[in-house]
PDB file of N, CA and C in Angstrom:
ATOM      1  N   MET A   1      91.490  90.678  86.263  1.00  0.00           N
ATOM      2  CA  MET A   1      90.409  89.863  86.457  1.00  0.00           C
ATOM      3  C   MET A   1      89.297  90.823  85.807  1.00  0.00           C
ATOM      4  N   THR A   2      88.163  90.175  85.311  1.00  0.00           N
ATOM      5  CA  THR A   2      87.045  90.875  84.686  1.00  0.00           C
ATOM      6  C   THR A   2      85.894  90.713  85.827  1.00  0.00           C
ATOM      7  N   GLY A   3      84.903  91.508  85.461  1.00  0.00           N
ATOM      8  CA  GLY A   3      83.422  91.323  86.236  1.00  0.00           C
ATOM      9  C   GLY A   3      83.125  89.994  85.921  1.00  0.00           C
ATOM     10  N   ASN A   4      82.954  89.397  84.759  1.00  0.00           N
ATOM     11  CA  ASN A   4      82.517  88.034  84.672  1.00  0.00           C
ATOM     12  C   ASN A   4      83.235  86.915  85.350  1.00  0.00           C
ATOM     13  N   GLU A   5      84.663  87.135  85.449  1.00  0.00           N
ATOM     14  CA  GLU A   5      85.596  86.180  86.187  1.00  0.00           C
ATOM     15  C   GLU A   5      85.313  86.338  87.660  1.00  0.00           C
ATOM     16  N   VAL A   6      84.779  87.299  88.152  1.00  0.00           N
ATOM     17  CA  VAL A   6      84.455  87.518  89.661  1.00  0.00           C
ATOM     18  C   VAL A   6      83.122  86.916  89.872  1.00  0.00           C
ATOM     19  N   PHE A   7      82.290  87.050  88.787  1.00  0.00           N
ATOM     20  CA  PHE A   7      81.166  86.295  88.839  1.00  0.00           C
ATOM     21  C   PHE A   7      81.306  84.699  88.894  1.00  0.00           C
ATOM     22  N   ASP A   8      82.126  84.194  88.158  1.00  0.00           N
ATOM     23  CA  ASP A   8      82.539  82.790  88.036  1.00  0.00           C
ATOM     24  C   ASP A   8      82.918  82.365  89.456  1.00  0.00           C
ATOM     25  N   ALA A   9      83.843  83.128  89.946  1.00  0.00           N
ATOM     26  CA  ALA A   9      84.279  82.644  91.396  1.00  0.00           C
ATOM     27  C   ALA A   9      83.483  82.647  92.475  1.00  0.00           C
ATOM     28  N   ALA A  10      82.437  83.618  92.338  1.00  0.00           N
ATOM     29  CA  ALA A  10      81.400  83.679  93.340  1.00  0.00           C
ATOM     30  C   ALA A  10      80.329  82.697  93.067  1.00  0.00           C
ATOM     31  N   ALA A  11      80.032  82.284  92.013  1.00  0.00           N
ATOM     32  CA  ALA A  11      79.185  81.273  91.546  1.00  0.00           C
ATOM     33  C   ALA A  11      79.847  79.847  92.234  1.00  0.00           C
ATOM     34  N   ALA A  12      81.108  79.788  92.075  1.00  0.00           N
ATOM     35  CA  ALA A  12      81.717  78.625  92.634  1.00  0.00           C
ATOM     36  C   ALA A  12      81.400  78.285  93.884  1.00  0.00           C
ATOM     37  N   TYR A  13      81.457  79.319  94.817  1.00  0.00           N
ATOM     38  CA  TYR A  13      81.160  79.065  96.346  1.00  0.00           C
ATOM     39  C   TYR A  13      79.780  78.523  96.364  1.00  0.00           C
ATOM     40  N   LEU A  14      78.918  78.653  95.433  1.00  0.00           N
ATOM     41  CA  LEU A  14      77.583  77.906  95.550  1.00  0.00           C
ATOM     42  C   LEU A  14      77.709  76.589  94.669  1.00  0.00           C
ATOM     43  N   ALA A  15      78.812  75.993  94.428  1.00  0.00           N
ATOM     44  CA  ALA A  15      78.872  74.941  93.456  1.00  0.00           C
ATOM     45  C   ALA A  15      78.321  75.055  92.194  1.00  0.00           C
ATOM     46  N   GLN A  16      78.291  76.362  91.619  1.00  0.00           N
ATOM     47  CA  GLN A  16      77.588  76.786  90.368  1.00  0.00           C
ATOM     48  C   GLN A  16      78.672  77.240  89.314  1.00  0.00           C
ATOM     49  N   THR A  17      78.319  77.328  88.133  1.00  0.00           N
ATOM     50  CA  THR A  17      78.896  78.114  87.043  1.00  0.00           C
ATOM     51  C   THR A  17      78.004  79.285  86.615  1.00  0.00           C
ATOM     52  N   ARG A  18      78.651  79.943  86.042  1.00  0.00           N
ATOM     53  CA  ARG A  18      77.963  81.439  85.504  1.00  0.00           C
ATOM     54  C   ARG A  18      76.783  80.812  84.885  1.00  0.00           C
ATOM     55  N   GLN A  19      76.875  79.980  84.051  1.00  0.00           N
ATOM     56  CA  GLN A  19      75.586  79.413  83.326  1.00  0.00           C
ATOM     57  C   GLN A  19      74.425  78.951  84.131  1.00  0.00           C
ATOM     58  N   ASP A  20      74.953  78.315  85.242  1.00  0.00           N
ATOM     59  CA  ASP A  20      73.785  77.575  86.352  1.00  0.00           C
ATOM     60  C   ASP A  20      73.205  78.904  86.908  1.00  0.00           C
ATOM     61  N   SER A  21      73.775  80.138  86.822  1.00  0.00           N
ATOM     62  CA  SER A  21      73.476  81.316  87.749  1.00  0.00           C
ATOM     63  C   SER A  21      72.842  82.318  86.852  1.00  0.00           C
ATOM     64  N   GLU A  22      72.214  82.158  85.761  1.00  0.00           N
ATOM     65  CA  GLU A  22      71.695  83.137  84.893  1.00  0.00           C
ATOM     66  C   GLU A  22      70.561  83.929  85.411  1.00  0.00           C
ATOM     67  N   GLU A  23      70.025  83.568  86.493  1.00  0.00           N
ATOM     68  CA  GLU A  23      68.808  84.363  87.037  1.00  0.00           C
ATOM     69  C   GLU A  23      69.460  85.504  87.845  1.00  0.00           C
ATOM     70  N   TRP A  24      70.739  85.475  88.088  1.00  0.00           N
ATOM     71  CA  TRP A  24      71.391  86.580  88.816  1.00  0.00           C
ATOM     72  C   TRP A  24      72.107  87.574  87.832  1.00  0.00           C
ATOM     73  N   LYS A  25      72.384  87.156  86.558  1.00  0.00           N
ATOM     74  CA  LYS A  25      73.239  87.935  85.631  1.00  0.00           C
ATOM     75  C   LYS A  25      72.780  89.562  85.472  1.00  0.00           C
ATOM     76  N   PRO A  26      71.324  89.776  85.354  1.00  0.00           N
ATOM     77  CA  PRO A  26      70.808  91.142  85.356  1.00  0.00           C
ATOM     78  C   PRO A  26      71.347  91.965  86.714  1.00  0.00           C
ATOM     79  N   PHE A  27      71.420  91.254  87.770  1.00  0.00           N
ATOM     80  CA  PHE A  27      71.950  91.935  88.932  1.00  0.00           C
ATOM     81  C   PHE A  27      73.314  92.088  89.355  1.00  0.00           C
ATOM     82  N   VAL A  28      74.095  91.294  88.667  1.00  0.00           N
ATOM     83  CA  VAL A  28      75.338  91.212  89.032  1.00  0.00           C
ATOM     84  C   VAL A  28      76.351  92.512  88.819  1.00  0.00           C
ATOM     85  N   PRO A  29      76.076  93.302  87.650  1.00  0.00           N
ATOM     86  CA  PRO A  29      76.855  94.394  87.464  1.00  0.00           C
ATOM     87  C   PRO A  29      76.550  95.525  88.613  1.00  0.00           C
ATOM     88  N   HIS A  30      75.200  95.459  89.197  1.00  0.00           N
ATOM     89  CA  HIS A  30      74.723  96.520  90.050  1.00  0.00           C
ATOM     90  C   HIS A  30      75.355  95.999  91.558  1.00  0.00           C
ATOM     91  N   TRP A  31      75.413  94.830  91.767  1.00  0.00           N
ATOM     92  CA  TRP A  31      75.775  94.146  93.123  1.00  0.00           C
ATOM     93  C   TRP A  31      77.593  94.502  93.132  1.00  0.00           C
ATOM     94  N   LEU A  32      78.079  94.120  91.985  1.00  0.00           N
ATOM     95  CA  LEU A  32      79.597  94.535  91.832  1.00  0.00           C
ATOM     96  C   LEU A  32      79.866  95.936  91.939  1.00  0.00           C
ATOM     97  N   ASN A  33      79.007  96.843  91.486  1.00  0.00           N
ATOM     98  CA  ASN A  33      79.264  98.360  91.431  1.00  0.00           C
ATOM     99  C   ASN A  33      79.237  98.766  92.990  1.00  0.00           C
ATOM    100  N   LEU A  34      78.377  98.123  93.723  1.00  0.00           N
ATOM    101  CA  LEU A  34      78.378  98.506  95.297  1.00  0.00           C
ATOM    102  C   LEU A  34      79.589  97.892  95.962  1.00  0.00           C
ATOM    103  N   LEU A  35      79.945  96.766  95.587  1.00  0.00           N
ATOM    104  CA  LEU A  35      81.112  96.424  96.227  1.00  0.00           C
ATOM    105  C   LEU A  35      82.495  96.997  95.882  1.00  0.00           C
ATOM    106  N   LEU A  36      82.589  97.457  94.591  1.00  0.00           N
ATOM    107  CA  LEU A  36      83.594  98.443  94.075  1.00  0.00           C
ATOM    108  C   LEU A  36      83.682  99.726  94.926  1.00  0.00           C
ATOM    109  N   GLU A  37      82.585 100.215  95.153  1.00  0.00           N
ATOM    110  CA  GLU A  37      82.516 101.506  95.746  1.00  0.00           C
ATOM    111  C   GLU A  37      82.835 101.161  97.329  1.00  0.00           C
ATOM    112  N   GLU A  38      82.471 100.212  97.974  1.00  0.00           N
ATOM    113  CA  GLU A  38      82.667  99.892  99.334  1.00  0.00           C
ATOM    114  C   GLU A  38      84.025  99.726  99.416  1.00  0.00           C
ATOM    115  N   SER A  39      84.850  99.012  98.376  1.00  0.00           N
ATOM    116  CA  SER A  39      86.204  98.699  98.512  1.00  0.00           C
ATOM    117  C   SER A  39      87.003  99.789  98.112  1.00  0.00           C
ATOM    118  N   LEU A  40      86.659 100.899  97.619  1.00  0.00           N
ATOM    119  CA  LEU A  40      87.413 102.070  97.105  1.00  0.00           C
ATOM    120  C   LEU A  40      88.482 102.598  98.142  1.00  0.00           C
ATOM    121  N   PRO A  41      87.997 102.812  99.431  1.00  0.00           N
ATOM    122  CA  PRO A  41      89.054 103.269 100.314  1.00  0.00           C
ATOM    123  C   PRO A  41      90.223 102.119 100.518  1.00  0.00           C
ATOM    124  N   TYR A  42      89.746 100.913 100.301  1.00  0.00           N
ATOM    125  CA  TYR A  42      90.924 100.015 100.616  1.00  0.00           C
ATOM    126  C   TYR A  42      91.856  99.977  99.335  1.00  0.00           C
ATOM    127  N   GLU A  43      91.217 100.045  98.195  1.00  0.00           N
ATOM    128  CA  GLU A  43      92.159 100.176  96.910  1.00  0.00           C
ATOM    129  C   GLU A  43      92.923 101.327  97.075  1.00  0.00           C
ATOM    130  N   ASN A  44      92.299 102.527  97.499  1.00  0.00           N
ATOM    131  CA  ASN A  44      93.298 103.864  97.527  1.00  0.00           C
ATOM    132  C   ASN A  44      94.085 103.716  98.638  1.00  0.00           C
ATOM    133  N   ALA A  45      93.919 103.177  99.649  1.00  0.00           N
ATOM    134  CA  ALA A  45      94.941 102.887 100.701  1.00  0.00           C
ATOM    135  C   ALA A  45      96.224 102.070 100.184  1.00  0.00           C
ATOM    136  N   TRP A  46      95.868 101.189  99.656  1.00  0.00           N
ATOM    137  CA  TRP A  46      96.778 100.113  98.812  1.00  0.00           C
ATOM    138  C   TRP A  46      97.690 101.080  97.855  1.00  0.00           C
ATOM    139  N   ARG A  47      96.872 101.743  96.992  1.00  0.00           N
ATOM    140  CA  ARG A  47      97.529 102.552  96.135  1.00  0.00           C
ATOM    141  C   ARG A  47      98.647 103.630  96.887  1.00  0.00           C
ATOM    142  N   THR A  48      98.095 104.142  97.897  1.00  0.00           N
ATOM    143  CA  THR A  48      98.868 105.124  98.752  1.00  0.00           C
ATOM    144  C   THR A  48     100.286 104.524  99.033  1.00  0.00           C
ATOM    145  N   MET A  49     100.110 103.164  99.644  1.00  0.00           N
ATOM    146  CA  MET A  49     101.199 102.417  99.991  1.00  0.00           C
ATOM    147  C   MET A  49     102.205 102.106  98.925  1.00  0.00           C
ATOM    148  N   GLN A  50     101.602 101.945  97.655  1.00  0.00           N
ATOM    149  CA  GLN A  50     102.444 101.665  96.576  1.00  0.00           C
ATOM    150  C   GLN A  50     102.999 102.859  95.795  1.00  0.00           C
ATOM    151  N   GLY A  51     102.504 104.135  96.133  1.00  0.00           N
ATOM    152  CA  GLY A  51     102.995 105.361  95.392  1.00  0.00           C
ATOM    153  C   GLY A  51     102.243 105.418  94.081  1.00  0.00           C
ATOM    154  N   LEU A  52     101.231 104.952  94.058  1.00  0.00           N
ATOM    155  CA  LEU A  52     100.268 104.994  92.790  1.00  0.00           C
ATOM    156  C   LEU A  52      99.441 106.105  92.981  1.00  0.00           C
ATOM    157  N   GLU A  53      98.761 106.650  91.732  1.00  0.00           N
ATOM    158  CA  GLU A  53      97.899 107.625  91.764  1.00  0.00           C
ATOM    159  C   GLU A  53      96.479 107.079  92.413  1.00  0.00           C
ATOM    160  N   LEU A  54      95.907 107.861  93.159  1.00  0.00           N
ATOM    161  CA  LEU A  54      94.515 107.487  93.702  1.00  0.00           C
ATOM    162  C   LEU A  54      93.423 107.410  92.588  1.00  0.00           C
ATOM    163  N   LEU A  55      92.597 106.621  92.858  1.00  0.00           N
ATOM    164  CA  LEU A  55      91.284 106.800  91.947  1.00  0.00           C
ATOM    165  C   LEU A  55      90.343 107.775  92.654  1.00  0.00           C
ATOM    166  N   GLU A  56      89.777 108.434  91.777  1.00  0.00           N
ATOM    167  CA  GLU A  56      88.657 109.414  92.286  1.00  0.00           C
ATOM    168  C   GLU A  56      87.283 108.757  92.537  1.00  0.00           C
ATOM    169  N   LYS A  57      87.046 107.751  91.793  1.00  0.00           N
ATOM    170  CA  LYS A  57      85.785 107.058  91.935  1.00  0.00           C
ATOM    171  C   LYS A  57      85.904 105.541  91.527  1.00  0.00           C
ATOM    172  N   ALA A  58      85.089 104.850  91.965  1.00  0.00           N
ATOM    173  CA  ALA A  58      85.044 103.220  91.656  1.00  0.00           C
ATOM    174  C   ALA A  58      84.751 103.131  90.241  1.00  0.00           C
ATOM    175  N   PRO A  59      85.247 102.036  89.647  1.00  0.00           N
ATOM    176  CA  PRO A  59      84.825 101.670  88.342  1.00  0.00           C
ATOM    177  C   PRO A  59      83.172 101.238  88.239  1.00  0.00           C
ATOM    178  N   CYS A  60      82.595 101.691  87.241  1.00  0.00           N
ATOM    179  CA  CYS A  60      81.102 101.383  87.232  1.00  0.00           C
ATOM    180  C   CYS A  60      80.857 100.239  86.045  1.00  0.00           C
ATOM    181  N   LEU A  61      80.358  99.219  86.412  1.00  0.00           N
ATOM    182  CA  LEU A  61      80.197  98.053  85.308  1.00  0.00           C
ATOM    183  C   LEU A  61      78.832  97.908  84.868  1.00  0.00           C
ATOM    184  N   THR A  62      78.513  97.634  83.458  1.00  0.00           N
ATOM    185  CA  THR A  62      77.447  97.249  83.130  1.00  0.00           C
ATOM    186  C   THR A  62      77.374  95.918  82.451  1.00  0.00           C
ATOM    187  N   GLN A  63      76.355  95.415  81.803  1.00  0.00           N
ATOM    188  CA  GLN A  63      76.392  94.112  81.078  1.00  0.00           C
ATOM    189  C   GLN A  63      77.401  94.287  80.035  1.00  0.00           C
ATOM    190  N   ASP A  64      77.597  95.532  79.353  1.00  0.00           N
ATOM    191  CA  ASP A  64      78.475  95.510  78.216  1.00  0.00           C
ATOM    192  C   ASP A  64      80.066  95.553  78.706  1.00  0.00           C
ATOM    193  N   THR A  65      80.351  95.850  79.772  1.00  0.00           N
ATOM    194  CA  THR A  65      81.509  96.112  80.200  1.00  0.00           C
ATOM    195  C   THR A  65      81.982  94.951  81.297  1.00  0.00           C
ATOM    196  N   MET A  66      81.358  93.905  81.465  1.00  0.00           N
ATOM    197  CA  MET A  66      81.580  92.980  82.403  1.00  0.00           C
ATOM    198  C   MET A  66      82.820  91.999  81.928  1.00  0.00           C
ATOM    199  N   ASP A  67      83.239  92.106  80.780  1.00  0.00           N
ATOM    200  CA  ASP A  67      84.579  91.477  80.213  1.00  0.00           C
ATOM    201  C   ASP A  67      85.719  92.206  80.036  1.00  0.00           C
ATOM    202  N   GLU A  68      85.633  93.513  80.900  1.00  0.00           N
ATOM    203  CA  GLU A  68      86.750  94.530  80.849  1.00  0.00           C
ATOM    204  C   GLU A  68      87.527  94.362  82.172  1.00  0.00           C
ATOM    205  N   PRO A  69      88.937  94.179  82.202  1.00  0.00           N
ATOM    206  CA  PRO A  69      89.716  94.000  83.568  1.00  0.00           C
ATOM    207  C   PRO A  69      89.469  95.110  84.526  1.00  0.00           C
ATOM    208  N   LEU A  70      89.092  94.697  85.471  1.00  0.00           N
ATOM    209  CA  LEU A  70      88.825  95.617  86.882  1.00  0.00           C
ATOM    210  C   LEU A  70      90.462  96.002  87.301  1.00  0.00           C
ATOM    211  N   GLU A  71      90.579  97.449  87.325  1.00  0.00           N
ATOM    212  CA  GLU A  71      91.851  97.885  87.708  1.00  0.00           C
ATOM    213  C   GLU A  71      91.824  98.287  89.015  1.00  0.00           C
ATOM    214  N   TYR A  72      92.028  97.147  89.854  1.00  0.00           N
ATOM    215  CA  TYR A  72      91.764  96.987  91.408  1.00  0.00           C
ATOM    216  C   TYR A  72      93.090  96.126  91.919  1.00  0.00           C
ATOM    217  N   HIS A  73      93.414  96.403  92.983  1.00  0.00           N
ATOM    218  CA  HIS A  73      94.549  95.314  93.611  1.00  0.00           C
ATOM    219  C   HIS A  73      93.834  93.965  93.407  1.00  0.00           C
ATOM    220  N   GLU A  74      95.158  93.125  93.070  1.00  0.00           N
ATOM    221  CA  GLU A  74      94.699  91.737  92.856  1.00  0.00           C
ATOM    222  C   GLU A  74      93.892  91.005  93.959  1.00  0.00           C
ATOM    223  N   ALA A  75      94.386  91.257  95.011  1.00  0.00           N
ATOM    224  CA  ALA A  75      93.754  90.592  96.377  1.00  0.00           C
ATOM    225  C   ALA A  75      92.395  91.096  96.570  1.00  0.00           C
ATOM    226  N   LEU A  76      92.128  92.285  96.151  1.00  0.00           N
ATOM    227  CA  LEU A  76      90.643  92.758  96.199  1.00  0.00           C
ATOM    228  C   LEU A  76      89.752  92.013  95.270  1.00  0.00           C
ATOM    229  N   VAL A  77      90.216  91.964  94.102  1.00  0.00           N
ATOM    230  CA  VAL A  77      89.396  91.464  92.962  1.00  0.00           C
ATOM    231  C   VAL A  77      89.326  89.810  93.027  1.00  0.00           C
ATOM    232  N   ARG A  78      90.269  89.196  93.319  1.00  0.00           N
ATOM    233  CA  ARG A  78      90.450  87.573  93.397  1.00  0.00           C
ATOM    234  C   ARG A  78      89.916  87.110  94.688  1.00  0.00           C
ATOM    235  N   ILE A  79      89.934  87.858  95.876  1.00  0.00           N
ATOM    236  CA  ILE A  79      89.572  87.235  97.072  1.00  0.00           C
ATOM    237  C   ILE A  79      88.175  88.021  97.636  1.00  0.00           C
ATOM    238  N   ALA A  80      88.258  89.308  97.723  1.00  0.00           N
ATOM    239  CA  ALA A  80      87.309  90.141  98.450  1.00  0.00           C
ATOM    240  C   ALA A  80      86.119  90.206  97.698  1.00  0.00           C
ATOM    241  N   LEU A  81      86.222  90.742  96.431  1.00  0.00           N
ATOM    242  CA  LEU A  81      84.906  90.835  95.749  1.00  0.00           C
ATOM    243  C   LEU A  81      84.191  89.341  95.372  1.00  0.00           C
ATOM    244  N   PRO A  82      84.775  88.359  95.218  1.00  0.00           N
ATOM    245  CA  PRO A  82      83.802  87.222  94.928  1.00  0.00           C
ATOM    246  C   PRO A  82      83.168  86.827  96.288  1.00  0.00           C
ATOM    247  N   TYR A  83      83.675  86.916  97.430  1.00  0.00           N
ATOM    248  CA  TYR A  83      83.266  86.793  98.665  1.00  0.00           C
ATOM    249  C   TYR A  83      81.978  87.522  98.800  1.00  0.00           C
ATOM    250  N   GLY A  84      82.223  89.106  98.339  1.00  0.00           N
ATOM    251  CA  GLY A  84      80.783  89.842  98.561  1.00  0.00           C
ATOM    252  C   GLY A  84      79.851  89.735  97.616  1.00  0.00           C
ATOM    253  N   LEU A  85      80.318  89.229  96.472  1.00  0.00           N
ATOM    254  CA  LEU A  85      79.263  88.824  95.490  1.00  0.00           C
ATOM    255  C   LEU A  85      78.506  87.498  95.889  1.00  0.00           C
ATOM    256  N   ALA A  86      79.241  86.670  96.355  1.00  0.00           N
ATOM    257  CA  ALA A  86      78.510  85.278  96.934  1.00  0.00           C
ATOM    258  C   ALA A  86      77.734  85.649  98.064  1.00  0.00           C
ATOM    259  N   SER A  87      77.990  86.689  98.859  1.00  0.00           N
ATOM    260  CA  SER A  87      77.033  87.139  99.976  1.00  0.00           C
ATOM    261  C   SER A  87      75.743  87.512  99.299  1.00  0.00           C
ATOM    262  N   ASP A  88      75.879  88.404  98.356  1.00  0.00           N
ATOM    263  CA  ASP A  88      74.508  88.853  97.642  1.00  0.00           C
ATOM    264  C   ASP A  88      73.752  87.413  97.187  1.00  0.00           C
ATOM    265  N   PHE A  89      74.427  86.555  96.477  1.00  0.00           N
ATOM    266  CA  PHE A  89      73.834  85.288  95.954  1.00  0.00           C
ATOM    267  C   PHE A  89      72.904  84.689  97.084  1.00  0.00           C
ATOM    268  N   TRP A  90      73.893  84.315  98.112  1.00  0.00           N
ATOM    269  CA  TRP A  90      73.081  83.816  99.457  1.00  0.00           C
ATOM    270  C   TRP A  90      71.974  84.543  99.754  1.00  0.00           C
ATOM    271  N   ARG A  91      72.071  85.946  99.819  1.00  0.00           N
ATOM    272  CA  ARG A  91      71.196  86.777 100.339  1.00  0.00           C
ATOM    273  C   ARG A  91      69.628  86.683  99.659  1.00  0.00           C
ATOM    274  N   ASP A  92      70.121  86.565  98.302  1.00  0.00           N
ATOM    275  CA  ASP A  92      69.005  86.505  97.274  1.00  0.00           C
ATOM    276  C   ASP A  92      68.380  85.217  97.331  1.00  0.00           C
ATOM    277  N   ASP A  93      68.984  84.224  97.869  1.00  0.00           N
ATOM    278  CA  ASP A  93      68.541  82.743  98.190  1.00  0.00           C
ATOM    279  C   ASP A  93      67.993  82.641  99.556  1.00  0.00           C
ATOM    280  N   ASP A  94      67.879  83.712 100.297  1.00  0.00           N
ATOM    281  CA  ASP A  94      67.071  83.739 101.642  1.00  0.00           C
ATOM    282  C   ASP A  94      67.884  82.917 102.394  1.00  0.00           C
ATOM    283  N   ASN A  95      69.176  82.712 102.359  1.00  0.00           N
ATOM    284  CA  ASN A  95      69.793  82.062 103.247  1.00  0.00           C
ATOM    285  C   ASN A  95      70.793  82.923 104.027  1.00  0.00           C
ATOM    286  N   ASP A  96      70.038  83.510 105.192  1.00  0.00           N
ATOM    287  CA  ASP A  96      70.845  84.483 105.944  1.00  0.00           C
ATOM    288  C   ASP A  96      72.422  84.158 106.637  1.00  0.00           C
ATOM    289  N   TYR A  97      72.252  82.824 107.109  1.00  0.00           N
ATOM    290  CA  TYR A  97      73.573  82.366 107.568  1.00  0.00           C
ATOM    291  C   TYR A  97      74.702  82.264 106.611  1.00  0.00           C
ATOM    292  N   ARG A  98      74.369  81.850 105.493  1.00  0.00           N
ATOM    293  CA  ARG A  98      75.593  81.873 104.359  1.00  0.00           C
ATOM    294  C   ARG A  98      75.715  83.175 103.991  1.00  0.00           C
ATOM    295  N   ALA A  99      74.955  84.140 103.831  1.00  0.00           N
ATOM    296  CA  ALA A  99      74.892  85.462 103.314  1.00  0.00           C
ATOM    297  C   ALA A  99      75.920  86.310 104.398  1.00  0.00           C
ATOM    298  N   ASN A 100      75.330  86.151 105.670  1.00  0.00           N
ATOM    299  CA  ASN A 100      76.323  86.614 106.688  1.00  0.00           C
ATOM    300  C   ASN A 100      77.757  86.134 106.790  1.00  0.00           C
ATOM    301  N   ASP A 101      77.826  84.773 106.703  1.00  0.00           N
ATOM    302  CA  ASP A 101      79.112  84.231 106.617  1.00  0.00           C
ATOM    303  C   ASP A 101      80.000  84.929 105.517  1.00  0.00           C
ATOM    304  N   PHE A 102      79.669  84.955 104.414  1.00  0.00           N
ATOM    305  CA  PHE A 102      80.211  85.388 103.005  1.00  0.00           C
ATOM    306  C   PHE A 102      80.507  86.885 103.364  1.00  0.00           C
ATOM    307  N   ARG A 103      79.502  87.708 103.755  1.00  0.00           N
ATOM    308  CA  ARG A 103      79.914  89.213 104.041  1.00  0.00           C
ATOM    309  C   ARG A 103      80.980  89.255 105.083  1.00  0.00           C
ATOM    310  N   ALA A 104      80.952  88.504 106.152  1.00  0.00           N
ATOM    311  CA  ALA A 104      82.036  88.616 107.014  1.00  0.00           C
ATOM    312  C   ALA A 104      83.433  88.237 106.146  1.00  0.00           C
ATOM    313  N   ARG A 105      83.319  87.144 105.557  1.00  0.00           N
ATOM    314  CA  ARG A 105      84.709  86.757 104.676  1.00  0.00           C
ATOM    315  C   ARG A 105      85.039  88.050 103.759  1.00  0.00           C
ATOM    316  N   TYR A 106      84.101  88.780 103.258  1.00  0.00           N
ATOM    317  CA  TYR A 106      84.488  89.844 102.377  1.00  0.00           C
ATOM    318  C   TYR A 106      84.865  90.973 103.107  1.00  0.00           C
ATOM    319  N   VAL A 107      84.483  91.381 104.228  1.00  0.00           N
ATOM    320  CA  VAL A 107      85.088  92.386 105.239  1.00  0.00           C
ATOM    321  C   VAL A 107      86.379  92.011 105.545  1.00  0.00           C
ATOM    322  N   SER A 108      86.591  90.714 106.036  1.00  0.00           N
ATOM    323  CA  SER A 108      87.814  90.389 106.606  1.00  0.00           C
ATOM    324  C   SER A 108      88.838  90.287 105.313  1.00  0.00           C
ATOM    325  N   ALA A 109      88.535  89.908 104.200  1.00  0.00           N
ATOM    326  CA  ALA A 109      89.470  90.217 102.982  1.00  0.00           C
ATOM    327  C   ALA A 109      89.837  91.469 102.507  1.00  0.00           C
ATOM    328  N   LEU A 110      88.891  92.204 102.791  1.00  0.00           N
ATOM    329  CA  LEU A 110      89.160  93.855 102.647  1.00  0.00           C
ATOM    330  C   LEU A 110      90.306  94.274 103.772  1.00  0.00           C
ATOM    331  N   GLU A 111      90.285  93.791 104.803  1.00  0.00           N
ATOM    332  CA  GLU A 111      90.992  94.256 105.923  1.00  0.00           C
ATOM    333  C   GLU A 111      92.382  93.585 105.728  1.00  0.00           C
ATOM    334  N   ASP A 112      92.448  92.376 105.307  1.00  0.00           N
ATOM    335  CA  ASP A 112      93.661  91.608 104.847  1.00  0.00           C
ATOM    336  C   ASP A 112      94.600  92.144 103.722  1.00  0.00           C
ATOM    337  N   CYS A 113      93.850  92.991 103.028  1.00  0.00           N
ATOM    338  CA  CYS A 113      94.473  93.514 102.032  1.00  0.00           C
ATOM    339  C   CYS A 113      95.537  94.614 102.488  1.00  0.00           C
ATOM    340  N   LEU A 114      95.396  95.081 103.601  1.00  0.00           N
ATOM    341  CA  LEU A 114      96.004  96.283 104.130  1.00  0.00           C
ATOM    342  C   LEU A 114      96.586  95.732 105.488  1.00  0.00           C
ATOM    343  N   ARG A 115      97.578  94.953 105.157  1.00  0.00           N
ATOM    344  CA  ARG A 115      98.173  94.367 106.609  1.00  0.00           C
ATOM    345  C   ARG A 115      98.954  95.545 107.276  1.00  0.00           C
ATOM    346  N   GLY A 116      99.444  96.477 106.780  1.00  0.00           N
ATOM    347  CA  GLY A 116      99.953  97.573 107.467  1.00  0.00           C
ATOM    348  C   GLY A 116     100.053  98.742 106.389  1.00  0.00           C
ATOM    349  N   GLU A 117     100.248  99.956 106.781  1.00  0.00           N
ATOM    350  CA  GLU A 117     100.508 101.054 105.970  1.00  0.00           C
ATOM    351  C   GLU A 117     101.798 101.619 106.452  1.00  0.00           C
ATOM    352  N   PRO A 118     102.689 101.823 105.607  1.00  0.00           N
ATOM    353  CA  PRO A 118     103.881 102.489 106.056  1.00  0.00           C
ATOM    354  C   PRO A 118     103.687 103.936 106.491  1.00  0.00           C
ATOM    355  N   GLN A 119     104.615 104.230 107.418  1.00  0.00           N
ATOM    356  CA  GLN A 119     104.371 105.690 107.851  1.00  0.00           C
ATOM    357  C   GLN A 119     105.710 106.199 107.996  1.00  0.00           C
ATOM    358  N   PRO A 120     106.171 107.432 107.650  1.00  0.00           N
ATOM    359  CA  PRO A 120     107.259 108.011 107.846  1.00  0.00           C
ATOM    360  C   PRO A 120     107.585 108.099 109.451  1.00  0.00           C
ATOM    361  N   ILE A 121     108.881 107.852 109.684  1.00  0.00           N
ATOM    362  CA  ILE A 121     109.229 108.038 111.136  1.00  0.00           C
ATOM    363  C   ILE A 121     110.279 109.190 111.281  1.00  0.00           C
ATOM    364  N   GLU A 122     110.456 109.765 112.401  1.00  0.00           N
ATOM    365  CA  GLU A 122     111.204 110.742 112.610  1.00  0.00           C
ATOM    366  C   GLU A 122     112.066 110.464 113.715  1.00  0.00           C
ATOM    367  N   ASP A 123     113.364 110.494 113.586  1.00  0.00           N
ATOM    368  CA  ASP A 123     114.498 110.278 114.834  1.00  0.00           C
ATOM    369  C   ASP A 123     114.390 111.196 115.726  1.00  0.00           C
ATOM    370  N   VAL A 124     113.982 111.168 117.037  1.00  0.00           N
ATOM    371  CA  VAL A 124     113.725 112.124 117.922  1.00  0.00           C
ATOM    372  C   VAL A 124     115.118 112.218 118.970  1.00  0.00           C
ATOM    373  N   TYR A 125     116.170 111.333 118.565  1.00  0.00           N
ATOM    374  CA  TYR A 125     117.223 111.399 119.421  1.00  0.00           C
ATOM    375  C   TYR A 125     118.367 112.474 118.766  1.00  0.00           C
TER     376      TYR A 125
END
């Protein structure tokens, strides 16, 4: 998924399209960068569970890179990030109830991405 596809998904929570949401376009890369940074520990925990190389830093989006694929766990990009971005949209719209609701959904989706982390066990018998 790309940054613009996350934008599309988040706008859909407001029953809008990206074209209907042009007033947010200049802010979306910055809001997504904050969400990507916040979700980096979850991404790296997932990578640890999968035996993949950890990311040293979160991707950084600009208006020019919004159509490039985000190299994050699919559940983070498809579920958590749209919730987080929708929270920013509602906050900008001065709708605290909806902003808090979508922020809670974002945090819950982050946690749902890591249902459990495998740990080695040692037989003590």
